[in-house]
C-alpha atoms as a PDB file:
ATOM      1  CA  MET A   1      88.797  86.673 119.015  1.00  0.00           C
ATOM      2  CA  LYS A   2      86.997  89.833 120.035  1.00  0.00           C
ATOM      3  CA  VAL A   3      89.198  92.933 120.109  1.00  0.00           C
ATOM      4  CA  LYS A   4      88.291  95.809 122.394  1.00  0.00           C
ATOM      5  CA  ALA A   5      87.868  99.143 120.654  1.00  0.00           C
ATOM      6  CA  LEU A   6      90.125 101.953 121.874  1.00  0.00           C
ATOM      7  CA  ARG A   7      87.714 104.683 120.840  1.00  0.00           C
ATOM      8  CA  GLU A   8      84.109 105.007 119.776  1.00  0.00           C
ATOM      9  CA  LYS A   9      83.403 104.404 116.095  1.00  0.00           C
ATOM     10  CA  LYS A  10      82.258 107.467 114.206  1.00  0.00           C
ATOM     11  CA  GLU A  11      81.396 107.490 110.530  1.00  0.00           C
ATOM     12  CA  TYR A  12      80.599 110.690 108.688  1.00  0.00           C
ATOM     13  CA  LEU A  13      78.159 110.963 105.822  1.00  0.00           C
ATOM     14  CA  ASN A  14      80.556 113.058 103.754  1.00  0.00           C
ATOM     15  CA  ILE A  15      83.700 115.202 103.909  1.00  0.00           C
ATOM     16  CA  ARG A  16      81.811 118.442 104.524  1.00  0.00           C
ATOM     17  CA  GLU A  17      80.071 116.962 107.558  1.00  0.00           C
ATOM     18  CA  MET A  18      83.422 115.844 108.967  1.00  0.00           C
ATOM     19  CA  VAL A  19      85.177 119.182 108.371  1.00  0.00           C
ATOM     20  CA  GLU A  20      82.372 121.021 110.151  1.00  0.00           C
ATOM     21  CA  ASP A  21      82.299 118.571 113.054  1.00  0.00           C
ATOM     22  CA  ILE A  22      86.027 118.456 113.782  1.00  0.00           C
ATOM     23  CA  GLY A  23      86.230 122.237 113.372  1.00  0.00           C
ATOM     24  CA  ASN A  24      83.809 122.547 116.269  1.00  0.00           C
ATOM     25  CA  ILE A  25      84.978 119.629 118.443  1.00  0.00           C
ATOM     26  CA  TYR A  26      88.691 120.494 118.225  1.00  0.00           C
ATOM     27  CA  ALA A  27      88.405 124.277 117.911  1.00  0.00           C
ATOM     28  CA  GLY A  28      91.619 125.957 119.087  1.00  0.00           C
ATOM     29  CA  LYS A  29      93.601 122.716 118.885  1.00  0.00           C
ATOM     30  CA  PRO A  30      96.466 122.490 116.337  1.00  0.00           C
ATOM     31  CA  ALA A  31      95.494 120.549 113.234  1.00  0.00           C
ATOM     32  CA  TYR A  32      98.663 121.202 111.237  1.00  0.00           C
ATOM     33  CA  ARG A  33     102.157 122.534 111.737  1.00  0.00           C
ATOM     34  CA  TYR A  34     104.509 123.197 108.841  1.00  0.00           C
ATOM     35  CA  ARG A  35     107.375 125.398 107.752  1.00  0.00           C
ATOM     36  CA  ILE A  36     107.077 127.591 104.676  1.00  0.00           C
ATOM     37  CA  LYS A  37     110.829 127.084 104.191  1.00  0.00           C
ATOM     38  CA  PRO A  38     112.533 124.039 105.746  1.00  0.00           C
ATOM     39  CA  HIS A  39     114.984 126.143 107.782  1.00  0.00           C
ATOM     40  CA  ASP A  40     112.439 128.648 109.127  1.00  0.00           C
ATOM     41  CA  LYS A  41     112.876 129.066 112.875  1.00  0.00           C
ATOM     42  CA  GLU A  42     109.199 128.705 113.727  1.00  0.00           C
ATOM     43  CA  ALA A  43     106.511 126.478 112.233  1.00  0.00           C
ATOM     44  CA  VAL A  44     103.159 127.845 111.090  1.00  0.00           C
ATOM     45  CA  VAL A  45     100.300 126.457 113.224  1.00  0.00           C
ATOM     46  CA  VAL A  46      96.775 126.007 111.836  1.00  0.00           C
ATOM     47  CA  THR A  47      93.994 125.088 114.271  1.00  0.00           C
ATOM     48  CA  TYR A  48      91.032 122.873 113.447  1.00  0.00           C
ATOM     49  CA  ASP A  49      88.559 125.757 113.359  1.00  0.00           C
ATOM     50  CA  GLN A  50      90.911 127.742 111.121  1.00  0.00           C
ATOM     51  CA  MET A  51      91.181 124.775 108.765  1.00  0.00           C
ATOM     52  CA  ARG A  52      87.383 124.493 108.694  1.00  0.00           C
ATOM     53  CA  ASP A  53      87.108 128.162 107.759  1.00  0.00           C
ATOM     54  CA  HIS A  54      89.779 127.797 105.060  1.00  0.00           C
ATOM     55  CA  VAL A  55      87.929 124.839 103.552  1.00  0.00           C
ATOM     56  CA  ARG A  56      84.626 126.711 103.611  1.00  0.00           C
ATOM     57  CA  ALA A  57      86.186 129.655 101.806  1.00  0.00           C
ATOM     58  CA  LEU A  58      88.076 127.710  99.143  1.00  0.00           C
ATOM     59  CA  ALA A  59      85.122 125.395  98.509  1.00  0.00           C
ATOM     60  CA  THR A  60      82.792 128.371  98.097  1.00  0.00           C
ATOM     61  CA  GLU A  61      85.100 129.843  95.470  1.00  0.00           C
ATOM     62  CA  ILE A  62      85.226 126.475  93.691  1.00  0.00           C
ATOM     63  CA  VAL A  63      81.433 126.587  93.431  1.00  0.00           C
ATOM     64  CA  ALA A  64      81.449 130.252  92.370  1.00  0.00           C
ATOM     65  CA  ARG A  65      83.915 129.402  89.579  1.00  0.00           C
ATOM     66  CA  GLY A  66      81.568 126.766  88.178  1.00  0.00           C
ATOM     67  CA  LEU A  67      83.688 123.796  89.263  1.00  0.00           C
ATOM     68  CA  GLN A  68      81.163 122.121  91.552  1.00  0.00           C
ATOM     69  CA  GLY A  69      80.898 118.486  90.478  1.00  0.00           C
ATOM     70  CA  LYS A  70      83.892 118.794  88.129  1.00  0.00           C
ATOM     71  CA  LYS A  71      87.145 116.798  88.133  1.00  0.00           C
ATOM     72  CA  ILE A  72      89.964 118.843  89.631  1.00  0.00           C
ATOM     73  CA  CYS A  73      93.490 117.527  89.036  1.00  0.00           C
ATOM     74  CA  VAL A  74      96.020 118.391  91.763  1.00  0.00           C
ATOM     75  CA  ILE A  75      99.784 118.027  91.222  1.00  0.00           C
ATOM     76  CA  GLY A  76     101.920 118.972  94.196  1.00  0.00           C
ATOM     77  CA  LYS A  77     103.845 118.147  97.319  1.00  0.00           C
ATOM     78  CA  HIS A  78     102.136 117.156 100.541  1.00  0.00           C
ATOM     79  CA  THR A  79     101.491 120.651 101.889  1.00  0.00           C
ATOM     80  CA  TYR A  80      98.780 122.349 103.904  1.00  0.00           C
ATOM     81  CA  ASN A  81      97.505 124.065 100.760  1.00  0.00           C
ATOM     82  CA  LEU A  82      97.189 120.743  98.994  1.00  0.00           C
ATOM     83  CA  ILE A  83      95.254 119.397 101.983  1.00  0.00           C
ATOM     84  CA  GLN A  84      92.878 122.341 101.642  1.00  0.00           C
ATOM     85  CA  SER A  85      92.327 121.384  98.002  1.00  0.00           C
ATOM     86  CA  TYR A  86      91.543 117.815  99.116  1.00  0.00           C
ATOM     87  CA  TYR A  87      88.833 118.849 101.547  1.00  0.00           C
ATOM     88  CA  ALA A  88      87.421 121.800  99.611  1.00  0.00           C
ATOM     89  CA  THR A  89      87.061 119.820  96.383  1.00  0.00           C
ATOM     90  CA  MET A  90      85.122 116.959  97.943  1.00  0.00           C
ATOM     91  CA  ALA A  91      83.215 119.203 100.384  1.00  0.00           C
ATOM     92  CA  VAL A  92      81.143 120.485  97.450  1.00  0.00           C
ATOM     93  CA  GLY A  93      80.851 117.226  95.532  1.00  0.00           C
ATOM     94  CA  SER A  94      83.701 117.739  93.077  1.00  0.00           C
ATOM     95  CA  VAL A  95      86.272 115.038  92.217  1.00  0.00           C
ATOM     96  CA  TRP A  96      89.868 115.197  93.499  1.00  0.00           C
ATOM     97  CA  VAL A  97      92.461 113.739  91.077  1.00  0.00           C
ATOM     98  CA  PRO A  98      95.980 113.761  92.633  1.00  0.00           C
ATOM     99  CA  LEU A  99      99.017 113.040  90.422  1.00  0.00           C
ATOM    100  CA  ASP A 100     102.728 112.529  91.025  1.00  0.00           C
ATOM    101  CA  ARG A 101     104.524 115.831  90.445  1.00  0.00           C
ATOM    102  CA  ASP A 102     107.715 113.993  89.497  1.00  0.00           C
ATOM    103  CA  TRP A 103     106.204 112.452  86.373  1.00  0.00           C
ATOM    104  CA  SER A 104     107.251 113.965  83.055  1.00  0.00           C
ATOM    105  CA  LYS A 105     104.965 116.607  81.588  1.00  0.00           C
ATOM    106  CA  GLU A 106     104.111 114.200  78.765  1.00  0.00           C
ATOM    107  CA  ASP A 107     103.017 111.448  81.168  1.00  0.00           C
ATOM    108  CA  LEU A 108     101.067 113.949  83.236  1.00  0.00           C
ATOM    109  CA  LEU A 109      99.370 115.262  80.111  1.00  0.00           C
ATOM    110  CA  GLU A 110      98.207 111.821  79.021  1.00  0.00           C
ATOM    111  CA  THR A 111      96.962 110.988  82.521  1.00  0.00           C
ATOM    112  CA  VAL A 112      95.038 114.252  82.856  1.00  0.00           C
ATOM    113  CA  ARG A 113      93.582 113.579  79.412  1.00  0.00           C
ATOM    114  CA  SER A 114      92.552 110.011  80.275  1.00  0.00           C
ATOM    115  CA  GLY A 115      91.075 111.216  83.571  1.00  0.00           C
ATOM    116  CA  GLU A 116      88.974 113.744  81.660  1.00  0.00           C
ATOM    117  CA  CYS A 117      89.869 116.466  84.146  1.00  0.00           C
ATOM    118  CA  ASP A 118      88.240 119.888  83.944  1.00  0.00           C
ATOM    119  CA  PHE A 119      90.664 121.993  85.964  1.00  0.00           C
ATOM    120  CA  LEU A 120      94.245 121.855  87.230  1.00  0.00           C
ATOM    121  CA  MET A 121      95.957 122.949  90.446  1.00  0.00           C
ATOM    122  CA  CYS A 122      99.726 122.586  90.841  1.00  0.00           C
ATOM    123  CA  ASP A 123     102.779 123.792  92.746  1.00  0.00           C
ATOM    124  CA  LEU A 124     104.250 127.057  91.513  1.00  0.00           C
ATOM    125  CA  ASP A 125     107.692 125.512  90.963  1.00  0.00           C
ATOM    126  CA  ILE A 126     106.244 123.140  88.327  1.00  0.00           C
ATOM    127  CA  ARG A 127     104.408 125.936  86.555  1.00  0.00           C
ATOM    128  CA  GLU A 128     105.899 124.894  83.218  1.00  0.00           C
ATOM    129  CA  LYS A 129     104.339 121.440  83.513  1.00  0.00           C
ATOM    130  CA  GLY A 130     100.985 122.846  84.558  1.00  0.00           C
ATOM    131  CA  GLU A 131     100.804 125.381  81.733  1.00  0.00           C
ATOM    132  CA  TYR A 132     101.929 122.774  79.202  1.00  0.00           C
ATOM    133  CA  ILE A 133      99.045 120.505  80.225  1.00  0.00           C
ATOM    134  CA  THR A 134      96.367 123.198  80.267  1.00  0.00           C
ATOM    135  CA  THR A 135      97.501 124.622  76.926  1.00  0.00           C
ATOM    136  CA  GLU A 136      97.599 121.224  75.214  1.00  0.00           C
ATOM    137  CA  LEU A 137      94.146 120.277  76.511  1.00  0.00           C
ATOM    138  CA  GLY A 138      92.532 123.690  76.100  1.00  0.00           C
ATOM    139  CA  MET A 139      91.805 123.921  79.817  1.00  0.00           C
ATOM    140  CA  PRO A 140      91.620 127.132  81.863  1.00  0.00           C
ATOM    141  CA  ALA A 141      94.955 128.424  83.201  1.00  0.00           C
ATOM    142  CA  PRO A 142      96.126 126.464  86.265  1.00  0.00           C
ATOM    143  CA  LEU A 143      95.624 127.568  89.846  1.00  0.00           C
ATOM    144  CA  PHE A 144      98.866 127.530  91.843  1.00  0.00           C
ATOM    145  CA  LEU A 145      98.808 125.917  95.262  1.00  0.00           C
ATOM    146  CA  ASN A 146     101.394 128.338  96.656  1.00  0.00           C
ATOM    147  CA  GLY A 147     102.307 131.960  95.993  1.00  0.00           C
ATOM    148  CA  ASP A 148     100.050 134.959  96.480  1.00  0.00           C
ATOM    149  CA  GLY A 149      99.171 136.147  92.967  1.00  0.00           C
ATOM    150  CA  GLU A 150      95.694 136.348  91.473  1.00  0.00           C
ATOM    151  CA  ASP A 151      96.135 132.802  90.180  1.00  0.00           C
ATOM    152  CA  SER A 152      96.971 131.377  93.621  1.00  0.00           C
ATOM    153  CA  LEU A 153      94.985 129.251  96.040  1.00  0.00           C
ATOM    154  CA  LEU A 154      95.373 132.016  98.618  1.00  0.00           C
ATOM    155  CA  ALA A 155      93.641 134.508  96.311  1.00  0.00           C
ATOM    156  CA  TRP A 156      90.799 132.061  95.670  1.00  0.00           C
ATOM    157  CA  ARG A 157      90.425 131.406  99.391  1.00  0.00           C
ATOM    158  CA  GLU A 158      90.278 135.103 100.229  1.00  0.00           C
ATOM    159  CA  ALA A 159      87.675 135.717  97.526  1.00  0.00           C
ATOM    160  CA  GLY A 160      85.696 132.689  98.700  1.00  0.00           C
ATOM    161  CA  ALA A 161      85.713 133.895 102.314  1.00  0.00           C
ATOM    162  CA  VAL A 162      83.865 137.050 101.232  1.00  0.00           C
ATOM    163  CA  LYS A 163      81.345 135.031  99.203  1.00  0.00           C
ATOM    164  CA  PHE A 164      80.795 132.565 102.061  1.00  0.00           C
ATOM    165  CA  LYS A 165      80.050 135.392 104.477  1.00  0.00           C
ATOM    166  CA  GLU A 166      77.529 136.868 102.047  1.00  0.00           C
ATOM    167  CA  ASN A 167      75.926 133.581 101.026  1.00  0.00           C
ATOM    168  CA  PRO A 168      76.970 130.449 102.987  1.00  0.00           C
ATOM    169  CA  SER A 169      74.412 128.360 101.104  1.00  0.00           C
ATOM    170  CA  LEU A 170      76.832 128.254  98.156  1.00  0.00           C
ATOM    171  CA  TYR A 171      78.848 125.904 100.341  1.00  0.00           C
ATOM    172  CA  TYR A 172      76.251 124.172 102.481  1.00  0.00           C
ATOM    173  CA  ASP A 173      73.761 123.499  99.675  1.00  0.00           C
ATOM    174  CA  ALA A 174      76.248 122.027  97.199  1.00  0.00           C
ATOM    175  CA  PRO A 175      74.985 118.459  96.595  1.00  0.00           C
ATOM    176  CA  ILE A 176      77.188 115.536  97.640  1.00  0.00           C
ATOM    177  CA  ASP A 177      76.422 111.957  96.667  1.00  0.00           C
ATOM    178  CA  PRO A 178      78.498 109.741  99.017  1.00  0.00           C
ATOM    179  CA  ASP A 179      78.425 106.919  96.464  1.00  0.00           C
ATOM    180  CA  ALA A 180      79.447 108.986  93.446  1.00  0.00           C
ATOM    181  CA  LEU A 181      83.030 109.312  92.199  1.00  0.00           C
ATOM    182  CA  ALA A 182      84.927 111.519  94.659  1.00  0.00           C
ATOM    183  CA  GLU A 183      88.590 110.622  94.177  1.00  0.00           C
ATOM    184  CA  LEU A 184      90.343 109.281  91.100  1.00  0.00           C
ATOM    185  CA  VAL A 185      93.732 107.832  92.039  1.00  0.00           C
ATOM    186  CA  PHE A 186      96.194 106.598  89.427  1.00  0.00           C
ATOM    187  CA  THR A 187      98.484 103.645  90.087  1.00  0.00           C
ATOM    188  CA  SER A 188     102.254 104.098  89.753  1.00  0.00           C
ATOM    189  CA  GLY A 189     102.403 102.410  86.358  1.00  0.00           C
ATOM    190  CA  THR A 190     105.264 100.060  87.275  1.00  0.00           C
ATOM    191  CA  THR A 191     103.706  97.316  85.144  1.00  0.00           C
ATOM    192  CA  GLY A 192     102.482  99.571  82.347  1.00  0.00           C
ATOM    193  CA  GLN A 193     100.359 102.689  81.984  1.00  0.00           C
ATOM    194  CA  GLY A 194      98.930 103.863  85.326  1.00  0.00           C
ATOM    195  CA  LYS A 195      95.337 102.796  85.913  1.00  0.00           C
ATOM    196  CA  GLY A 196      92.701 105.060  87.422  1.00  0.00           C
ATOM    197  CA  VAL A 197      91.073 103.757  90.613  1.00  0.00           C
ATOM    198  CA  MET A 198      87.624 105.194  91.309  1.00  0.00           C
ATOM    199  CA  LEU A 199      86.727 105.902  94.946  1.00  0.00           C
ATOM    200  CA  SER A 200      83.598 107.358  96.497  1.00  0.00           C
ATOM    201  CA  GLN A 201      83.484 109.269  99.772  1.00  0.00           C
ATOM    202  CA  ARG A 202      81.707 106.310 101.344  1.00  0.00           C
ATOM    203  CA  ASN A 203      84.559 104.014 100.211  1.00  0.00           C
ATOM    204  CA  PHE A 204      87.318 105.540 102.295  1.00  0.00           C
ATOM    205  CA  MET A 205      85.167 107.050 105.056  1.00  0.00           C
ATOM    206  CA  SER A 206      83.507 103.749 105.950  1.00  0.00           C
ATOM    207  CA  ASP A 207      86.790 101.850 105.610  1.00  0.00           C
ATOM    208  CA  LEU A 208      88.618 104.131 108.016  1.00  0.00           C
ATOM    209  CA  ALA A 209      85.640 104.350 110.370  1.00  0.00           C
ATOM    210  CA  ASP A 210      85.847 100.567 110.848  1.00  0.00           C
ATOM    211  CA  VAL A 211      89.617 100.519 111.393  1.00  0.00           C
ATOM    212  CA  ILE A 212      90.475 103.650 113.387  1.00  0.00           C
ATOM    213  CA  PRO A 213      88.769 102.573 116.668  1.00  0.00           C
ATOM    214  CA  PHE A 214      91.253  99.681 116.933  1.00  0.00           C
ATOM    215  CA  ILE A 215      94.481 101.582 116.200  1.00  0.00           C
ATOM    216  CA  ASP A 216      96.400 103.152 119.068  1.00  0.00           C
ATOM    217  CA  PHE A 217      96.911 106.532 117.415  1.00  0.00           C
ATOM    218  CA  SER A 218      98.811 109.066 119.474  1.00  0.00           C
ATOM    219  CA  VAL A 219      97.947 112.750 119.814  1.00  0.00           C
ATOM    220  CA  LYS A 220     100.872 113.894 117.635  1.00  0.00           C
ATOM    221  CA  CYS A 221     101.984 112.539 114.284  1.00  0.00           C
ATOM    222  CA  MET A 222     103.875 113.540 111.157  1.00  0.00           C
ATOM    223  CA  ASN A 223     102.933 113.388 107.468  1.00  0.00           C
ATOM    224  CA  VAL A 224     105.661 112.095 105.177  1.00  0.00           C
ATOM    225  CA  LEU A 225     103.862 110.174 102.417  1.00  0.00           C
ATOM    226  CA  PRO A 226     103.075 111.604  98.965  1.00  0.00           C
ATOM    227  CA  PRO A 227      99.420 112.616  98.580  1.00  0.00           C
ATOM    228  CA  HIS A 228      98.853 110.985  95.185  1.00  0.00           C
ATOM    229  CA  HIS A 229      98.588 107.517  96.768  1.00  0.00           C
ATOM    230  CA  THR A 230      95.495 106.524  98.727  1.00  0.00           C
ATOM    231  CA  TYR A 231      97.538 105.706 101.851  1.00  0.00           C
ATOM    232  CA  GLY A 232      99.078 109.175 101.734  1.00  0.00           C
ATOM    233  CA  SER A 233      95.724 110.892 101.317  1.00  0.00           C
ATOM    234  CA  SER A 234      93.001 108.922 103.065  1.00  0.00           C
ATOM    235  CA  VAL A 235      94.989 107.766 106.113  1.00  0.00           C
ATOM    236  CA  SER A 236      97.485 110.630 106.436  1.00  0.00           C
ATOM    237  CA  ILE A 237      94.877 113.332 105.860  1.00  0.00           C
ATOM    238  CA  TYR A 238      91.335 112.208 106.620  1.00  0.00           C
ATOM    239  CA  GLY A 239      92.236 109.396 109.001  1.00  0.00           C
ATOM    240  CA  GLN A 240      94.300 111.542 111.369  1.00  0.00           C
ATOM    241  CA  ASN A 241      92.169 114.671 111.211  1.00  0.00           C
ATOM    242  CA  CYS A 242      88.946 112.863 112.076  1.00  0.00           C
ATOM    243  CA  ILE A 243      90.355 111.956 115.498  1.00  0.00           C
ATOM    244  CA  GLY A 244      91.961 115.345 116.166  1.00  0.00           C
ATOM    245  CA  CYS A 245      95.657 114.582 115.685  1.00  0.00           C
ATOM    246  CA  ASP A 246      98.259 117.359 115.825  1.00  0.00           C
ATOM    247  CA  VAL A 247      99.978 116.782 112.459  1.00  0.00           C
ATOM    248  CA  TYR A 248     103.382 118.080 111.425  1.00  0.00           C
ATOM    249  CA  ILE A 249     103.849 118.197 107.636  1.00  0.00           C
ATOM    250  CA  SER A 250     107.401 117.174 106.767  1.00  0.00           C
ATOM    251  CA  SER A 251     109.437 119.388 104.450  1.00  0.00           C
ATOM    252  CA  GLY A 252     110.961 116.305 102.811  1.00  0.00           C
ATOM    253  CA  VAL A 253     113.001 113.163 103.398  1.00  0.00           C
ATOM    254  CA  LYS A 254     116.253 115.049 104.074  1.00  0.00           C
ATOM    255  CA  TYR A 255     114.634 116.897 106.985  1.00  0.00           C
ATOM    256  CA  ILE A 256     112.680 114.036 108.560  1.00  0.00           C
ATOM    257  CA  LEU A 257     115.104 113.063 111.316  1.00  0.00           C
ATOM    258  CA  LYS A 258     115.411 116.650 112.548  1.00  0.00           C
ATOM    259  CA  GLU A 259     111.624 117.058 112.388  1.00  0.00           C
ATOM    260  CA  LEU A 260     111.069 113.836 114.333  1.00  0.00           C
ATOM    261  CA  GLN A 261     113.355 115.125 117.091  1.00  0.00           C
ATOM    262  CA  GLU A 262     111.546 118.458 117.217  1.00  0.00           C
ATOM    263  CA  HIS A 263     107.890 117.405 116.907  1.00  0.00           C
ATOM    264  CA  LYS A 264     108.254 114.106 118.801  1.00  0.00           C
ATOM    265  CA  PRO A 265     105.315 112.333 117.119  1.00  0.00           C
ATOM    266  CA  GLY A 266     103.815 109.344 118.856  1.00  0.00           C
ATOM    267  CA  HIS A 267     103.136 107.571 115.573  1.00  0.00           C
ATOM    268  CA  LEU A 268     104.053 107.784 111.905  1.00  0.00           C
ATOM    269  CA  VAL A 269     102.053 106.669 108.874  1.00  0.00           C
ATOM    270  CA  ALA A 270     104.697 105.201 106.577  1.00  0.00           C
ATOM    271  CA  VAL A 271     105.606 102.413 104.172  1.00  0.00           C
ATOM    272  CA  PRO A 272     108.673 100.090 104.253  1.00  0.00           C
ATOM    273  CA  LEU A 273     110.664 102.313 101.885  1.00  0.00           C
ATOM    274  CA  TYR A 274     110.530 105.202 104.360  1.00  0.00           C
ATOM    275  CA  VAL A 275     111.603 103.060 107.305  1.00  0.00           C
ATOM    276  CA  GLU A 276     114.546 101.804 105.264  1.00  0.00           C
ATOM    277  CA  THR A 277     115.454 105.404 104.390  1.00  0.00           C
ATOM    278  CA  PHE A 278     115.441 106.345 108.092  1.00  0.00           C
ATOM    279  CA  TYR A 279     117.646 103.363 108.784  1.00  0.00           C
ATOM    280  CA  ARG A 280     120.256 104.344 106.183  1.00  0.00           C
ATOM    281  CA  ARG A 281     120.360 107.959 107.331  1.00  0.00           C
ATOM    282  CA  ILE A 282     120.670 107.033 110.996  1.00  0.00           C
ATOM    283  CA  LEU A 283     123.478 104.581 110.261  1.00  0.00           C
ATOM    284  CA  LYS A 284     125.304 107.270 108.303  1.00  0.00           C
ATOM    285  CA  GLY A 285     125.510 109.428 111.403  1.00  0.00           C
ATOM    286  CA  ILE A 286     126.330 106.711 113.906  1.00  0.00           C
ATOM    287  CA  ASP A 287     129.879 106.346 115.233  1.00  0.00           C
ATOM    288  CA  GLU A 288     131.434 103.451 117.119  1.00  0.00           C
ATOM    289  CA  LYS A 289     129.541 104.369 120.263  1.00  0.00           C
ATOM    290  CA  GLY A 290     126.256 103.874 118.434  1.00  0.00           C
ATOM    291  CA  LYS A 291     126.543 100.149 117.755  1.00  0.00           C
ATOM    292  CA  PHE A 292     123.628  99.375 120.053  1.00  0.00           C
ATOM    293  CA  VAL A 293     121.390 101.815 118.182  1.00  0.00           C
ATOM    294  CA  ALA A 294     122.531 100.355 114.857  1.00  0.00           C
ATOM    295  CA  GLY A 295     121.660  96.858 116.033  1.00  0.00           C
ATOM    296  CA  LEU A 296     118.295  98.038 117.246  1.00  0.00           C
ATOM    297  CA  MET A 297     117.536  99.687 113.906  1.00  0.00           C
ATOM    298  CA  LYS A 298     118.548  96.529 112.023  1.00  0.00           C
ATOM    299  CA  GLY A 299     116.110  94.596 114.188  1.00  0.00           C
ATOM    300  CA  LEU A 300     113.336  97.079 113.420  1.00  0.00           C
ATOM    301  CA  ILE A 301     114.021  96.833 109.697  1.00  0.00           C
ATOM    302  CA  SER A 302     113.937  93.042 109.859  1.00  0.00           C
ATOM    303  CA  PHE A 303     110.653  93.145 111.757  1.00  0.00           C
ATOM    304  CA  ASN A 304     109.231  95.683 109.296  1.00  0.00           C
ATOM    305  CA  LYS A 305     110.126  93.499 106.300  1.00  0.00           C
ATOM    306  CA  SER A 306     108.587  90.434 107.957  1.00  0.00           C
ATOM    307  CA  CYS A 307     105.337  92.312 108.612  1.00  0.00           C
ATOM    308  CA  HIS A 308     105.301  93.581 105.045  1.00  0.00           C
ATOM    309  CA  LYS A 309     105.644  90.040 103.667  1.00  0.00           C
ATOM    310  CA  ILE A 310     102.647  88.788 105.593  1.00  0.00           C
ATOM    311  CA  GLY A 311     100.552  91.860 104.790  1.00  0.00           C
ATOM    312  CA  LEU A 312     100.673  93.701 108.129  1.00  0.00           C
END
């Protein structure tokens, strides 16, 4: 059966090419919305051209610091700063290695060691874990994804913006091999020690390029998945940005229902566990008058589980 494509297929050669293209095509359009603190009244809005400029700047500083082509481990929540690290790392041919921030420092240490990482970025609130890893492995001090000190991503981005303006070739001339290792993703380790899965830029870019034309993505969506899994990085980040989605970055599971009501996304990239979490939280707040909604949600959960069993 031939399925009609909903949009034209477009496959980029590499991440840098995509970041530049969408920064121009969707200039002025919101790429990301997020709150610095969950209860902030207003969300921060970052447009596609602003994101492009942020990636240029951070990537330039990565090159200037001698990390071009190196393995950069990133341990943090799904935030806009982490997304910058995703694009900036691969935009200059370095390798992005995301890890679960909830792992113990000992497990993180052994995984960073086995991944032969050269540098570490992490959230400021897990500083102790980051410094433990870098000290044990004799790595440079970690760069913190948030905060505004000299050892923060913001400081690197500001320094890189100056360097990019003076010499943009630091960014544009950094070699990228689309078939070389670009992302090293570790499995959850539920059946033993987590295994590293090696992905090239061509791997996930060609995969998504073939699929996206046939998915009825809406204009607005919301990111809820952790970034250390391929579904939470490739689809939730690259997949939605390449078609110009307006993405709201959730502050966490406890805030999702309120954020859904506010942002009103047309679609959500999720896994069964998240749908079941929504279901439990909705039921908790439903009174006798909400029996219809409860029944509807039970039907959705049943449908979701059926799809999951057959691989949909």
